Amino acid sequence: MKEVTFPIRVMYELGIKTLIVSNASGGMNDTFKIGDLMIITDHINMFPEHPLRGKNFPTGPRFPDMHETYSKALVEKADLIAQEKGIRVVHGVYVGVQGPTFETPAEYRMYRKLGGDAIGMSTVPEVIVAHHCGIDTFGISVITDLGGFDVPVAVSHEEVQVAANRAQPLMTEIVKELVKRI
């Protein structure tokens, strides 16, 4: 966990004020489609190790408030950009899990019942540390596969890469414009 989040601490020391994260994730919301861009509005941390466990870094409080982990102002800007460019975006809660396997149908259903809309194996530790450091964060997921529905959908790493590559230009449009407006 310290290795994964070390770059965030370096960014803080360099004076970075805003972090934009992206990931490929499995969609659990039945309104999502493969290739959708999901703006992350919140997350559920299911990693077994917490990135703030241990000695507190002086970058933030021992117990940081996590109510607005993803900047509402950045979400609003990204929504406006997507609308201006005619790009479909959805909003949702990202569930961060350890992996390295894709979820079983039962696991997808469980995480959906917990309030998750998409699931993946990254992002959450980095965002927690960024928030602890006072860095504003924006997150966006490419929905690369779907799970937890009545009809099982098999998924492979190759299919995930294909879906991510198709959606990448649209995500890039949003992020490039967001950076200009920050």
N, C-alpha and C. Protein backbone atom coordinates (compact mmCIF):
# COMPACT_ATOMS: atom_id res chain seq x y z
N MET A 1 0.83 -1.20 0.00
CA MET A 1 0.00 0.00 0.00
C MET A 1 0.87 1.26 0.00
N LYS A 2 1.98 1.21 0.71
CA LYS A 2 2.88 2.38 0.74
C LYS A 2 3.48 2.63 -0.65
N GLU A 3 3.82 1.57 -1.38
CA GLU A 3 4.37 1.74 -2.73
C GLU A 3 3.34 2.33 -3.69
N VAL A 4 2.11 1.84 -3.60
CA VAL A 4 1.05 2.31 -4.50
C VAL A 4 0.76 3.78 -4.29
N THR A 5 0.81 4.23 -3.05
CA THR A 5 0.43 5.61 -2.74
C THR A 5 1.63 6.56 -2.66
N PHE A 6 2.84 6.04 -2.73
CA PHE A 6 4.03 6.88 -2.67
C PHE A 6 4.02 8.00 -3.72
N PRO A 7 3.64 7.72 -4.98
CA PRO A 7 3.60 8.81 -5.98
C PRO A 7 2.67 9.96 -5.57
N ILE A 8 1.59 9.66 -4.87
CA ILE A 8 0.67 10.72 -4.44
C ILE A 8 1.37 11.62 -3.43
N ARG A 9 2.11 11.03 -2.52
CA ARG A 9 2.84 11.82 -1.53
C ARG A 9 3.91 12.69 -2.20
N VAL A 10 4.55 12.14 -3.23
CA VAL A 10 5.53 12.92 -4.00
C VAL A 10 4.83 14.10 -4.68
N MET A 11 3.66 13.83 -5.29
CA MET A 11 2.90 14.90 -5.94
C MET A 11 2.56 16.01 -4.95
N TYR A 12 2.16 15.62 -3.75
CA TYR A 12 1.86 16.60 -2.71
C TYR A 12 3.09 17.47 -2.42
N GLU A 13 4.23 16.82 -2.25
CA GLU A 13 5.46 17.56 -1.95
C GLU A 13 5.86 18.48 -3.10
N LEU A 14 5.48 18.14 -4.32
CA LEU A 14 5.76 18.97 -5.49
C LEU A 14 4.76 20.11 -5.65
N GLY A 15 3.73 20.13 -4.79
CA GLY A 15 2.76 21.22 -4.82
C GLY A 15 1.54 20.96 -5.70
N ILE A 16 1.33 19.73 -6.10
CA ILE A 16 0.16 19.40 -6.92
C ILE A 16 -1.11 19.67 -6.11
N LYS A 17 -2.07 20.35 -6.70
CA LYS A 17 -3.31 20.71 -6.01
C LYS A 17 -4.51 19.90 -6.48
N THR A 18 -4.41 19.29 -7.68
CA THR A 18 -5.53 18.54 -8.25
C THR A 18 -5.02 17.23 -8.81
N LEU A 19 -5.74 16.15 -8.55
CA LEU A 19 -5.41 14.82 -9.07
C LEU A 19 -6.58 14.32 -9.90
N ILE A 20 -6.27 13.86 -11.10
CA ILE A 20 -7.28 13.22 -11.96
C ILE A 20 -6.88 11.76 -12.10
N VAL A 21 -7.80 10.87 -11.72
CA VAL A 21 -7.53 9.43 -11.80
C VAL A 21 -8.53 8.80 -12.76
N SER A 22 -8.08 7.73 -13.41
CA SER A 22 -8.97 6.99 -14.30
C SER A 22 -8.69 5.50 -14.13
N ASN A 23 -9.66 4.71 -14.53
CA ASN A 23 -9.51 3.27 -14.42
C ASN A 23 -10.48 2.56 -15.36
N ALA A 24 -10.25 1.28 -15.53
CA ALA A 24 -11.20 0.40 -16.20
C ALA A 24 -11.94 -0.34 -15.10
N SER A 25 -13.25 -0.46 -15.25
CA SER A 25 -14.01 -1.11 -14.17
C SER A 25 -15.17 -1.92 -14.73
N GLY A 26 -15.61 -2.85 -13.91
CA GLY A 26 -16.78 -3.64 -14.24
C GLY A 26 -18.03 -2.94 -13.76
N GLY A 27 -19.01 -2.85 -14.63
CA GLY A 27 -20.26 -2.19 -14.27
C GLY A 27 -21.23 -3.14 -13.61
N MET A 28 -21.86 -2.67 -12.54
CA MET A 28 -22.86 -3.47 -11.82
C MET A 28 -24.23 -2.82 -11.88
N ASN A 29 -24.29 -1.60 -12.37
CA ASN A 29 -25.54 -0.87 -12.48
C ASN A 29 -26.22 -1.29 -13.79
N ASP A 30 -27.45 -1.74 -13.72
CA ASP A 30 -28.10 -2.27 -14.93
C ASP A 30 -28.45 -1.21 -15.96
N THR A 31 -28.21 0.06 -15.66
CA THR A 31 -28.40 1.10 -16.67
C THR A 31 -27.10 1.40 -17.44
N PHE A 32 -26.00 0.81 -16.99
CA PHE A 32 -24.71 1.06 -17.64
C PHE A 32 -24.55 0.16 -18.86
N LYS A 33 -23.73 0.65 -19.79
CA LYS A 33 -23.38 -0.11 -20.99
C LYS A 33 -21.87 -0.21 -21.07
N ILE A 34 -21.37 -1.25 -21.72
CA ILE A 34 -19.94 -1.35 -21.95
C ILE A 34 -19.51 -0.14 -22.77
N GLY A 35 -18.46 0.51 -22.33
CA GLY A 35 -17.96 1.71 -23.00
C GLY A 35 -18.41 3.00 -22.35
N ASP A 36 -19.34 2.94 -21.40
CA ASP A 36 -19.77 4.15 -20.69
C ASP A 36 -18.60 4.74 -19.91
N LEU A 37 -18.66 6.04 -19.74
CA LEU A 37 -17.73 6.75 -18.87
C LEU A 37 -18.49 7.08 -17.59
N MET A 38 -18.00 6.57 -16.48
CA MET A 38 -18.65 6.82 -15.19
C MET A 38 -17.82 7.81 -14.39
N ILE A 39 -18.41 8.95 -14.10
CA ILE A 39 -17.76 9.91 -13.21
C ILE A 39 -17.96 9.41 -11.79
N ILE A 40 -16.86 9.26 -11.08
CA ILE A 40 -16.91 8.71 -9.73
C ILE A 40 -17.36 9.81 -8.77
N THR A 41 -18.44 9.54 -8.04
CA THR A 41 -18.96 10.50 -7.06
C THR A 41 -18.62 10.09 -5.63
N ASP A 42 -18.25 8.84 -5.44
CA ASP A 42 -17.89 8.32 -4.12
C ASP A 42 -17.26 6.96 -4.33
N HIS A 43 -16.73 6.39 -3.26
CA HIS A 43 -16.18 5.03 -3.37
C HIS A 43 -16.45 4.23 -2.10
N ILE A 44 -16.30 2.92 -2.25
CA ILE A 44 -16.36 1.99 -1.13
C ILE A 44 -15.02 1.28 -1.12
N ASN A 45 -14.31 1.39 -0.02
CA ASN A 45 -12.97 0.80 0.10
C ASN A 45 -13.08 -0.62 0.64
N MET A 46 -12.77 -1.60 -0.20
CA MET A 46 -12.80 -3.00 0.23
C MET A 46 -11.39 -3.60 0.28
N PHE A 47 -10.37 -2.75 0.20
CA PHE A 47 -9.00 -3.25 0.28
C PHE A 47 -8.73 -3.71 1.71
N PRO A 48 -8.04 -4.84 1.89
CA PRO A 48 -7.80 -5.35 3.25
C PRO A 48 -6.85 -4.48 4.07
N GLU A 49 -5.99 -3.72 3.40
CA GLU A 49 -5.07 -2.83 4.11
C GLU A 49 -5.44 -1.40 3.77
N HIS A 50 -5.50 -0.55 4.78
CA HIS A 50 -5.86 0.86 4.58
C HIS A 50 -4.60 1.68 4.32
N PRO A 51 -4.61 2.58 3.33
CA PRO A 51 -3.40 3.32 3.00
C PRO A 51 -2.95 4.33 4.06
N LEU A 52 -3.81 4.66 5.02
CA LEU A 52 -3.42 5.60 6.07
C LEU A 52 -3.05 4.89 7.37
N ARG A 53 -3.09 3.56 7.38
CA ARG A 53 -2.74 2.83 8.60
C ARG A 53 -1.26 3.03 8.90
N GLY A 54 -0.94 3.17 10.17
CA GLY A 54 0.44 3.38 10.58
C GLY A 54 0.64 4.81 11.04
N LYS A 55 1.90 5.22 11.09
CA LYS A 55 2.23 6.58 11.53
C LYS A 55 1.55 7.59 10.62
N ASN A 56 0.96 8.61 11.23
CA ASN A 56 0.28 9.64 10.45
C ASN A 56 1.31 10.57 9.81
N PHE A 57 1.18 10.77 8.50
CA PHE A 57 2.02 11.75 7.82
C PHE A 57 1.48 13.14 8.18
N PRO A 58 2.33 14.12 8.27
CA PRO A 58 1.86 15.46 8.66
C PRO A 58 1.10 16.18 7.53
N THR A 59 0.73 15.46 6.49
CA THR A 59 0.00 16.07 5.37
C THR A 59 -1.47 16.26 5.66
N GLY A 60 -1.96 15.62 6.71
CA GLY A 60 -3.38 15.72 7.02
C GLY A 60 -3.68 15.17 8.40
N PRO A 61 -4.95 15.27 8.80
CA PRO A 61 -5.33 14.82 10.15
C PRO A 61 -5.29 13.30 10.30
N ARG A 62 -5.17 12.86 11.52
CA ARG A 62 -5.14 11.42 11.81
C ARG A 62 -6.38 10.73 11.24
N PHE A 63 -7.55 11.34 11.38
CA PHE A 63 -8.80 10.77 10.90
C PHE A 63 -9.48 11.76 9.95
N PRO A 64 -9.10 11.73 8.66
CA PRO A 64 -9.66 12.71 7.72
C PRO A 64 -11.14 12.46 7.42
N ASP A 65 -11.86 13.55 7.26
CA ASP A 65 -13.26 13.50 6.84
C ASP A 65 -13.31 13.10 5.37
N MET A 66 -14.11 12.12 5.03
CA MET A 66 -14.14 11.60 3.65
C MET A 66 -15.46 11.93 2.96
N HIS A 67 -16.18 12.96 3.42
CA HIS A 67 -17.49 13.26 2.83
C HIS A 67 -17.45 13.74 1.40
N GLU A 68 -16.43 14.53 1.03
CA GLU A 68 -16.34 14.98 -0.37
C GLU A 68 -14.98 14.58 -0.92
N THR A 69 -14.77 13.29 -1.01
CA THR A 69 -13.51 12.77 -1.49
C THR A 69 -13.29 13.14 -2.95
N TYR A 70 -14.36 13.13 -3.73
CA TYR A 70 -14.30 13.51 -5.15
C TYR A 70 -14.93 14.90 -5.26
N SER A 71 -14.15 15.85 -5.76
CA SER A 71 -14.56 17.25 -5.80
C SER A 71 -15.84 17.46 -6.59
N LYS A 72 -16.86 18.00 -5.92
CA LYS A 72 -18.12 18.30 -6.59
C LYS A 72 -17.94 19.35 -7.67
N ALA A 73 -17.06 20.30 -7.44
CA ALA A 73 -16.81 21.34 -8.44
C ALA A 73 -16.20 20.74 -9.71
N LEU A 74 -15.29 19.79 -9.55
CA LEU A 74 -14.69 19.14 -10.72
C LEU A 74 -15.70 18.25 -11.44
N VAL A 75 -16.56 17.59 -10.67
CA VAL A 75 -17.63 16.77 -11.27
C VAL A 75 -18.54 17.65 -12.11
N GLU A 76 -18.92 18.81 -11.57
CA GLU A 76 -19.79 19.73 -12.31
C GLU A 76 -19.12 20.21 -13.60
N LYS A 77 -17.84 20.53 -13.54
CA LYS A 77 -17.11 20.96 -14.74
C LYS A 77 -17.07 19.84 -15.78
N ALA A 78 -16.80 18.62 -15.33
CA ALA A 78 -16.74 17.49 -16.26
C ALA A 78 -18.11 17.22 -16.89
N ASP A 79 -19.16 17.35 -16.10
CA ASP A 79 -20.52 17.18 -16.64
C ASP A 79 -20.80 18.20 -17.73
N LEU A 80 -20.42 19.43 -17.49
CA LEU A 80 -20.64 20.50 -18.47
C LEU A 80 -19.84 20.21 -19.75
N ILE A 81 -18.61 19.80 -19.59
CA ILE A 81 -17.77 19.47 -20.75
C ILE A 81 -18.39 18.33 -21.55
N ALA A 82 -18.82 17.28 -20.87
CA ALA A 82 -19.44 16.14 -21.55
C ALA A 82 -20.69 16.58 -22.30
N GLN A 83 -21.49 17.42 -21.67
CA GLN A 83 -22.71 17.92 -22.31
C GLN A 83 -22.35 18.74 -23.55
N GLU A 84 -21.38 19.63 -23.42
CA GLU A 84 -20.96 20.45 -24.55
C GLU A 84 -20.46 19.61 -25.72
N LYS A 85 -19.79 18.51 -25.44
CA LYS A 85 -19.19 17.67 -26.47
C LYS A 85 -20.11 16.52 -26.90
N GLY A 86 -21.29 16.43 -26.27
CA GLY A 86 -22.22 15.36 -26.62
C GLY A 86 -21.73 13.97 -26.24
N ILE A 87 -21.01 13.88 -25.13
CA ILE A 87 -20.47 12.61 -24.65
C ILE A 87 -21.33 12.10 -23.50
N ARG A 88 -21.80 10.87 -23.63
CA ARG A 88 -22.61 10.26 -22.56
C ARG A 88 -21.71 9.96 -21.36
N VAL A 89 -22.11 10.47 -20.20
CA VAL A 89 -21.46 10.09 -18.95
C VAL A 89 -22.53 9.66 -17.97
N VAL A 90 -22.14 8.78 -17.08
CA VAL A 90 -23.00 8.35 -15.99
C VAL A 90 -22.25 8.65 -14.70
N HIS A 91 -22.95 8.66 -13.60
CA HIS A 91 -22.32 8.89 -12.29
C HIS A 91 -22.46 7.62 -11.47
N GLY A 92 -21.53 7.42 -10.54
CA GLY A 92 -21.68 6.27 -9.69
C GLY A 92 -20.62 6.14 -8.62
N VAL A 93 -20.84 5.12 -7.80
CA VAL A 93 -19.95 4.78 -6.70
C VAL A 93 -19.03 3.65 -7.16
N TYR A 94 -17.75 3.87 -6.98
CA TYR A 94 -16.72 2.90 -7.38
C TYR A 94 -16.33 2.06 -6.17
N VAL A 95 -16.31 0.74 -6.34
CA VAL A 95 -15.89 -0.17 -5.28
C VAL A 95 -14.46 -0.62 -5.60
N GLY A 96 -13.55 -0.37 -4.67
CA GLY A 96 -12.16 -0.79 -4.85
C GLY A 96 -11.91 -2.10 -4.13
N VAL A 97 -11.45 -3.10 -4.90
CA VAL A 97 -11.15 -4.43 -4.35
C VAL A 97 -9.72 -4.82 -4.71
N GLN A 98 -9.21 -5.81 -4.01
CA GLN A 98 -7.82 -6.19 -4.17
C GLN A 98 -7.55 -6.96 -5.47
N GLY A 99 -8.43 -7.84 -5.91
CA GLY A 99 -8.13 -8.66 -7.08
C GLY A 99 -7.12 -9.74 -6.71
N PRO A 100 -6.51 -10.41 -7.67
CA PRO A 100 -6.42 -10.14 -9.09
C PRO A 100 -7.41 -10.95 -9.95
N THR A 101 -8.60 -11.18 -9.46
CA THR A 101 -9.59 -11.88 -10.28
C THR A 101 -10.77 -10.96 -10.55
N PHE A 102 -11.49 -11.24 -11.62
CA PHE A 102 -12.77 -10.57 -11.83
C PHE A 102 -13.76 -11.20 -10.85
N GLU A 103 -14.81 -10.50 -10.54
CA GLU A 103 -15.75 -10.93 -9.52
C GLU A 103 -16.65 -12.06 -10.02
N THR A 104 -17.13 -12.84 -9.05
CA THR A 104 -18.13 -13.85 -9.37
C THR A 104 -19.48 -13.13 -9.50
N PRO A 105 -20.46 -13.76 -10.14
CA PRO A 105 -21.78 -13.13 -10.22
C PRO A 105 -22.34 -12.77 -8.83
N ALA A 106 -22.12 -13.63 -7.85
CA ALA A 106 -22.62 -13.35 -6.49
C ALA A 106 -21.90 -12.16 -5.88
N GLU A 107 -20.59 -12.05 -6.12
CA GLU A 107 -19.85 -10.90 -5.59
C GLU A 107 -20.33 -9.60 -6.23
N TYR A 108 -20.55 -9.62 -7.56
CA TYR A 108 -21.10 -8.43 -8.22
C TYR A 108 -22.43 -8.02 -7.57
N ARG A 109 -23.31 -8.99 -7.35
CA ARG A 109 -24.62 -8.67 -6.76
C ARG A 109 -24.46 -8.12 -5.35
N MET A 110 -23.53 -8.69 -4.57
CA MET A 110 -23.30 -8.22 -3.20
C MET A 110 -22.81 -6.76 -3.20
N TYR A 111 -21.82 -6.48 -4.04
CA TYR A 111 -21.28 -5.11 -4.08
C TYR A 111 -22.32 -4.12 -4.59
N ARG A 112 -23.19 -4.56 -5.47
CA ARG A 112 -24.27 -3.70 -5.96
C ARG A 112 -25.24 -3.38 -4.81
N LYS A 113 -25.56 -4.42 -4.00
CA LYS A 113 -26.45 -4.20 -2.86
C LYS A 113 -25.83 -3.27 -1.82
N LEU A 114 -24.51 -3.25 -1.76
CA LEU A 114 -23.81 -2.35 -0.83
C LEU A 114 -23.82 -0.91 -1.33
N GLY A 115 -24.22 -0.71 -2.59
CA GLY A 115 -24.29 0.65 -3.13
C GLY A 115 -23.31 0.95 -4.25
N GLY A 116 -22.57 -0.07 -4.70
CA GLY A 116 -21.61 0.14 -5.77
C GLY A 116 -22.26 0.13 -7.15
N ASP A 117 -21.69 0.92 -8.04
CA ASP A 117 -22.12 0.96 -9.43
C ASP A 117 -21.07 0.35 -10.36
N ALA A 118 -19.81 0.42 -9.94
CA ALA A 118 -18.71 -0.13 -10.73
C ALA A 118 -17.65 -0.65 -9.76
N ILE A 119 -16.82 -1.57 -10.26
CA ILE A 119 -15.83 -2.20 -9.38
C ILE A 119 -14.51 -2.35 -10.12
N GLY A 120 -13.42 -2.18 -9.37
CA GLY A 120 -12.10 -2.34 -9.96
C GLY A 120 -11.04 -2.54 -8.90
N MET A 121 -9.81 -2.69 -9.37
CA MET A 121 -8.70 -3.06 -8.50
C MET A 121 -7.70 -1.93 -8.30
N SER A 122 -8.15 -0.70 -8.36
CA SER A 122 -7.23 0.43 -8.22
C SER A 122 -7.97 1.64 -7.67
N THR A 123 -7.32 2.78 -7.73
CA THR A 123 -7.90 4.11 -7.54
C THR A 123 -8.15 4.48 -6.08
N VAL A 124 -8.82 3.65 -5.33
CA VAL A 124 -9.25 4.03 -3.98
C VAL A 124 -8.08 4.37 -3.05
N PRO A 125 -7.03 3.55 -2.95
CA PRO A 125 -5.93 3.94 -2.05
C PRO A 125 -5.29 5.28 -2.43
N GLU A 126 -5.10 5.49 -3.73
CA GLU A 126 -4.49 6.74 -4.19
C GLU A 126 -5.37 7.94 -3.85
N VAL A 127 -6.68 7.78 -4.03
CA VAL A 127 -7.60 8.88 -3.75
C VAL A 127 -7.67 9.17 -2.25
N ILE A 128 -7.65 8.14 -1.43
CA ILE A 128 -7.66 8.35 0.02
C ILE A 128 -6.45 9.17 0.44
N VAL A 129 -5.28 8.81 -0.06
CA VAL A 129 -4.07 9.53 0.32
C VAL A 129 -4.09 10.95 -0.24
N ALA A 130 -4.56 11.13 -1.47
CA ALA A 130 -4.66 12.47 -2.04
C ALA A 130 -5.59 13.34 -1.19
N HIS A 131 -6.71 12.78 -0.79
CA HIS A 131 -7.66 13.52 0.04
C HIS A 131 -7.03 13.88 1.39
N HIS A 132 -6.31 12.94 1.96
CA HIS A 132 -5.60 13.18 3.23
C HIS A 132 -4.63 14.34 3.08
N CYS A 133 -4.03 14.48 1.89
CA CYS A 133 -3.06 15.55 1.63
C CYS A 133 -3.73 16.87 1.24
N GLY A 134 -5.05 16.86 1.11
CA GLY A 134 -5.74 18.09 0.72
C GLY A 134 -5.75 18.34 -0.78
N ILE A 135 -5.50 17.31 -1.56
CA ILE A 135 -5.49 17.42 -3.02
C ILE A 135 -6.91 17.17 -3.52
N ASP A 136 -7.44 18.10 -4.32
CA ASP A 136 -8.77 17.90 -4.94
C ASP A 136 -8.66 16.77 -5.95
N THR A 137 -9.69 15.92 -5.97
CA THR A 137 -9.64 14.73 -6.82
C THR A 137 -10.86 14.63 -7.72
N PHE A 138 -10.59 14.20 -8.95
CA PHE A 138 -11.63 13.86 -9.92
C PHE A 138 -11.33 12.46 -10.41
N GLY A 139 -12.35 11.60 -10.47
CA GLY A 139 -12.16 10.24 -10.94
C GLY A 139 -13.15 9.87 -12.02
N ILE A 140 -12.68 9.10 -13.00
CA ILE A 140 -13.54 8.64 -14.08
C ILE A 140 -13.18 7.19 -14.41
N SER A 141 -14.20 6.38 -14.58
CA SER A 141 -14.04 4.96 -14.91
C SER A 141 -14.58 4.68 -16.30
N VAL A 142 -13.89 3.83 -17.02
CA VAL A 142 -14.43 3.30 -18.27
C VAL A 142 -15.08 1.97 -17.92
N ILE A 143 -16.37 1.83 -18.21
CA ILE A 143 -17.06 0.57 -17.93
C ILE A 143 -16.68 -0.40 -19.05
N THR A 144 -15.87 -1.38 -18.69
CA THR A 144 -15.33 -2.30 -19.70
C THR A 144 -16.02 -3.65 -19.75
N ASP A 145 -16.79 -3.95 -18.71
CA ASP A 145 -17.53 -5.21 -18.68
C ASP A 145 -18.69 -5.05 -17.72
N LEU A 146 -19.61 -5.99 -17.76
CA LEU A 146 -20.80 -5.93 -16.91
C LEU A 146 -20.93 -7.22 -16.14
N GLY A 147 -21.41 -7.14 -14.90
CA GLY A 147 -21.56 -8.35 -14.11
C GLY A 147 -22.66 -8.25 -13.08
N GLY A 148 -23.08 -9.43 -12.60
CA GLY A 148 -24.07 -9.50 -11.55
C GLY A 148 -25.50 -9.57 -12.04
N PHE A 149 -25.69 -9.75 -13.34
CA PHE A 149 -27.04 -9.79 -13.87
C PHE A 149 -27.51 -11.23 -14.03
N ASP A 150 -28.77 -11.41 -14.37
CA ASP A 150 -29.35 -12.75 -14.48
C ASP A 150 -28.62 -13.62 -15.50
N VAL A 151 -28.19 -13.01 -16.59
CA VAL A 151 -27.46 -13.75 -17.61
C VAL A 151 -25.98 -13.50 -17.40
N PRO A 152 -25.22 -14.53 -17.01
CA PRO A 152 -23.79 -14.33 -16.75
C PRO A 152 -23.07 -13.84 -18.01
N VAL A 153 -22.14 -12.91 -17.81
CA VAL A 153 -21.35 -12.37 -18.90
C VAL A 153 -19.89 -12.70 -18.61
N ALA A 154 -19.33 -13.62 -19.42
CA ALA A 154 -17.92 -13.97 -19.24
C ALA A 154 -17.06 -12.78 -19.64
N VAL A 155 -15.92 -12.62 -18.98
CA VAL A 155 -15.05 -11.49 -19.27
C VAL A 155 -13.61 -11.96 -19.32
N SER A 156 -12.84 -11.36 -20.21
CA SER A 156 -11.41 -11.65 -20.28
C SER A 156 -10.65 -10.34 -20.24
N HIS A 157 -9.39 -10.43 -19.89
CA HIS A 157 -8.55 -9.24 -19.83
C HIS A 157 -8.47 -8.57 -21.21
N GLU A 158 -8.44 -9.38 -22.25
CA GLU A 158 -8.35 -8.85 -23.61
C GLU A 158 -9.61 -8.05 -23.97
N GLU A 159 -10.78 -8.56 -23.58
CA GLU A 159 -12.03 -7.84 -23.86
C GLU A 159 -12.08 -6.51 -23.11
N VAL A 160 -11.57 -6.52 -21.88
CA VAL A 160 -11.51 -5.30 -21.08
C VAL A 160 -10.64 -4.27 -21.79
N GLN A 161 -9.50 -4.70 -22.31
CA GLN A 161 -8.59 -3.78 -23.00
C GLN A 161 -9.23 -3.21 -24.26
N VAL A 162 -9.96 -4.03 -25.00
CA VAL A 162 -10.62 -3.56 -26.22
C VAL A 162 -11.65 -2.48 -25.88
N ALA A 163 -12.48 -2.73 -24.87
CA ALA A 163 -13.51 -1.76 -24.48
C ALA A 163 -12.86 -0.47 -23.98
N ALA A 164 -11.79 -0.59 -23.20
CA ALA A 164 -11.10 0.60 -22.69
C ALA A 164 -10.51 1.41 -23.83
N ASN A 165 -9.92 0.74 -24.79
CA ASN A 165 -9.31 1.44 -25.93
C ASN A 165 -10.36 2.18 -26.77
N ARG A 166 -11.56 1.62 -26.87
CA ARG A 166 -12.63 2.28 -27.64
C ARG A 166 -13.11 3.55 -26.94
N ALA A 167 -13.21 3.50 -25.61
CA ALA A 167 -13.73 4.64 -24.86
C ALA A 167 -12.67 5.69 -24.57
N GLN A 168 -11.42 5.32 -24.67
CA GLN A 168 -10.32 6.22 -24.29
C GLN A 168 -10.34 7.57 -24.99
N PRO A 169 -10.61 7.67 -26.30
CA PRO A 169 -10.62 9.00 -26.91
C PRO A 169 -11.67 9.95 -26.31
N LEU A 170 -12.82 9.42 -25.93
CA LEU A 170 -13.86 10.26 -25.32
C LEU A 170 -13.44 10.72 -23.93
N MET A 171 -12.86 9.81 -23.18
CA MET A 171 -12.38 10.17 -21.85
C MET A 171 -11.27 11.21 -21.97
N THR A 172 -10.40 11.04 -22.94
CA THR A 172 -9.31 11.99 -23.15
C THR A 172 -9.85 13.39 -23.47
N GLU A 173 -10.91 13.46 -24.29
CA GLU A 173 -11.52 14.76 -24.60
C GLU A 173 -11.98 15.47 -23.34
N ILE A 174 -12.67 14.72 -22.48
CA ILE A 174 -13.17 15.31 -21.23
C ILE A 174 -12.02 15.77 -20.35
N VAL A 175 -11.03 14.90 -20.15
CA VAL A 175 -9.93 15.20 -19.24
C VAL A 175 -9.09 16.37 -19.75
N LYS A 176 -8.78 16.39 -21.05
CA LYS A 176 -7.98 17.50 -21.60
C LYS A 176 -8.69 18.84 -21.38
N GLU A 177 -9.99 18.86 -21.63
CA GLU A 177 -10.74 20.11 -21.44
C GLU A 177 -10.83 20.46 -19.96
N LEU A 178 -11.00 19.45 -19.11
CA LEU A 178 -11.07 19.68 -17.66
C LEU A 178 -9.76 20.33 -17.17
N VAL A 179 -8.64 19.83 -17.65
CA VAL A 179 -7.35 20.39 -17.24
C VAL A 179 -7.25 21.85 -17.68
N LYS A 180 -7.74 22.17 -18.85
CA LYS A 180 -7.73 23.57 -19.33
C LYS A 180 -8.56 24.48 -18.42
N ARG A 181 -9.64 23.93 -17.85
CA ARG A 181 -10.57 24.76 -17.07
C ARG A 181 -10.25 24.82 -15.57
N ILE A 182 -9.26 24.07 -15.17
CA ILE A 182 -8.90 24.05 -13.73
C ILE A 182 -8.06 25.29 -13.40
